[in-house]
């Protein structure tokens, strides 16, 4: 983010009351943490995508060969 954008956000925040600033900061912290978690998850999926594809192919083969059975969710 450019310094100009950061300065604009800071000016906008400074126009708020202290209480509103504190609430906004808390929301931003939560948002940024969620965003970081999403990025981490996306990275993990990318790293394992070929394994996921291979597992799906194997599952399809087992289904086609009649080796698969419906999942019993009560046994999980």
C-alpha atoms as a PDB file:
ATOM      1  CA  UNK A   1       0.000   0.000   0.000  1.00  0.00           C
ATOM      2  CA  UNK A   2       1.337   3.412  -0.845  1.00  0.00           C
ATOM      3  CA  UNK A   3       2.170   5.951   1.823  1.00  0.00           C
ATOM      4  CA  UNK A   4      -0.531   8.184   0.376  1.00  0.00           C
ATOM      5  CA  UNK A   5      -3.187   5.521   0.904  1.00  0.00           C
ATOM      6  CA  UNK A   6      -2.009   4.877   4.443  1.00  0.00           C
ATOM      7  CA  UNK A   7      -2.074   8.609   5.212  1.00  0.00           C
ATOM      8  CA  UNK A   8      -5.632   8.834   3.853  1.00  0.00           C
ATOM      9  CA  UNK A   9      -6.780   5.963   6.080  1.00  0.00           C
ATOM     10  CA  UNK A  10      -5.084   7.506   9.105  1.00  0.00           C
ATOM     11  CA  UNK A  11      -6.790  10.869   8.454  1.00  0.00           C
ATOM     12  CA  UNK A  12     -10.133   9.125   8.152  1.00  0.00           C
ATOM     13  CA  UNK A  13      -9.549   7.275  11.416  1.00  0.00           C
ATOM     14  CA  UNK A  14      -8.395  10.422  13.210  1.00  0.00           C
ATOM     15  CA  UNK A  15     -11.739  12.038  12.396  1.00  0.00           C
ATOM     16  CA  UNK A  16     -13.462   9.425  14.557  1.00  0.00           C
ATOM     17  CA  UNK A  17     -13.924   9.511  18.318  1.00  0.00           C
ATOM     18  CA  UNK A  18     -11.467   7.572  20.481  1.00  0.00           C
ATOM     19  CA  UNK A  19     -14.084   4.899  21.121  1.00  0.00           C
ATOM     20  CA  UNK A  20     -14.839   4.536  17.433  1.00  0.00           C
ATOM     21  CA  UNK A  21     -11.114   4.379  16.646  1.00  0.00           C
ATOM     22  CA  UNK A  22     -10.630   1.586  19.160  1.00  0.00           C
ATOM     23  CA  UNK A  23     -13.563  -0.374  17.724  1.00  0.00           C
ATOM     24  CA  UNK A  24     -12.299   0.143  14.189  1.00  0.00           C
ATOM     25  CA  UNK A  25      -8.803  -1.012  15.137  1.00  0.00           C
ATOM     26  CA  UNK A  26     -10.247  -4.176  16.686  1.00  0.00           C
ATOM     27  CA  UNK A  27     -12.266  -4.865  13.534  1.00  0.00           C
ATOM     28  CA  UNK A  28      -9.187  -4.276  11.377  1.00  0.00           C
ATOM     29  CA  UNK A  29      -7.112  -6.654  13.500  1.00  0.00           C
ATOM     30  CA  UNK A  30      -9.752  -9.359  13.164  1.00  0.00           C
ATOM     31  CA  UNK A  31     -10.097  -8.731   9.426  1.00  0.00           C
ATOM     32  CA  UNK A  32      -6.346  -8.861   8.830  1.00  0.00           C
ATOM     33  CA  UNK A  33      -5.991 -12.035  10.908  1.00  0.00           C
ATOM     34  CA  UNK A  34      -8.816 -13.700   8.967  1.00  0.00           C
ATOM     35  CA  UNK A  35      -7.235 -12.574   5.716  1.00  0.00           C
ATOM     36  CA  UNK A  36      -3.862 -14.032   6.744  1.00  0.00           C
ATOM     37  CA  UNK A  37      -5.563 -17.316   7.648  1.00  0.00           C
ATOM     38  CA  UNK A  38      -7.251 -17.384   4.243  1.00  0.00           C
ATOM     39  CA  UNK A  39      -3.911 -16.806   2.523  1.00  0.00           C
ATOM     40  CA  UNK A  40      -2.318 -19.590   4.562  1.00  0.00           C
ATOM     41  CA  UNK A  41      -5.180 -21.949   3.699  1.00  0.00           C
ATOM     42  CA  UNK A  42      -4.911 -21.064   0.002  1.00  0.00           C
ATOM     43  CA  UNK A  43      -1.188 -21.788   0.117  1.00  0.00           C
ATOM     44  CA  UNK A  44      -1.752 -25.172   1.743  1.00  0.00           C
ATOM     45  CA  UNK A  45      -4.365 -26.105  -0.856  1.00  0.00           C
ATOM     46  CA  UNK A  46      -2.011 -25.106  -3.661  1.00  0.00           C
ATOM     47  CA  UNK A  47       0.812 -27.203  -2.209  1.00  0.00           C
ATOM     48  CA  UNK A  48      -1.394 -30.269  -1.891  1.00  0.00           C
ATOM     49  CA  UNK A  49      -3.616 -29.805  -4.934  1.00  0.00           C
ATOM     50  CA  UNK A  50      -1.990 -32.622  -6.914  1.00  0.00           C
ATOM     51  CA  UNK A  51      -2.444 -34.969  -3.936  1.00  0.00           C
ATOM     52  CA  UNK A  52      -6.095 -33.946  -3.665  1.00  0.00           C
ATOM     53  CA  UNK A  53      -6.627 -34.584  -7.373  1.00  0.00           C
ATOM     54  CA  UNK A  54      -4.962 -38.004  -7.116  1.00  0.00           C
ATOM     55  CA  UNK A  55      -7.124 -38.900  -4.124  1.00  0.00           C
ATOM     56  CA  UNK A  56     -10.259 -37.889  -6.002  1.00  0.00           C
ATOM     57  CA  UNK A  57      -9.219 -39.996  -9.005  1.00  0.00           C
ATOM     58  CA  UNK A  58      -8.583 -42.978  -6.739  1.00  0.00           C
ATOM     59  CA  UNK A  59     -11.977 -42.526  -5.074  1.00  0.00           C
ATOM     60  CA  UNK A  60     -13.670 -42.463  -8.478  1.00  0.00           C
ATOM     61  CA  UNK A  61     -11.882 -45.683  -9.460  1.00  0.00           C
ATOM     62  CA  UNK A  62     -12.998 -47.377  -6.234  1.00  0.00           C
ATOM     63  CA  UNK A  63     -16.587 -46.243  -6.807  1.00  0.00           C
ATOM     64  CA  UNK A  64     -16.522 -47.502 -10.404  1.00  0.00           C
ATOM     65  CA  UNK A  65     -15.085 -50.842  -9.252  1.00  0.00           C
ATOM     66  CA  UNK A  66     -17.819 -51.220  -6.625  1.00  0.00           C
ATOM     67  CA  UNK A  67     -15.314 -51.056  -3.753  1.00  0.00           C
ATOM     68  CA  UNK A  68     -16.858 -47.967  -2.175  1.00  0.00           C
ATOM     69  CA  UNK A  69     -19.764 -47.936   0.245  1.00  0.00           C
ATOM     70  CA  UNK A  70     -21.955 -45.060   1.386  1.00  0.00           C
ATOM     71  CA  UNK A  71     -20.600 -43.152   4.353  1.00  0.00           C
ATOM     72  CA  UNK A  72     -22.406 -43.683   7.634  1.00  0.00           C
ATOM     73  CA  UNK A  73     -22.248 -40.274   9.299  1.00  0.00           C
ATOM     74  CA  UNK A  74     -23.321 -41.766  12.624  1.00  0.00           C
ATOM     75  CA  UNK A  75     -20.043 -43.705  12.763  1.00  0.00           C
ATOM     76  CA  UNK A  76     -17.854 -40.606  12.423  1.00  0.00           C
END
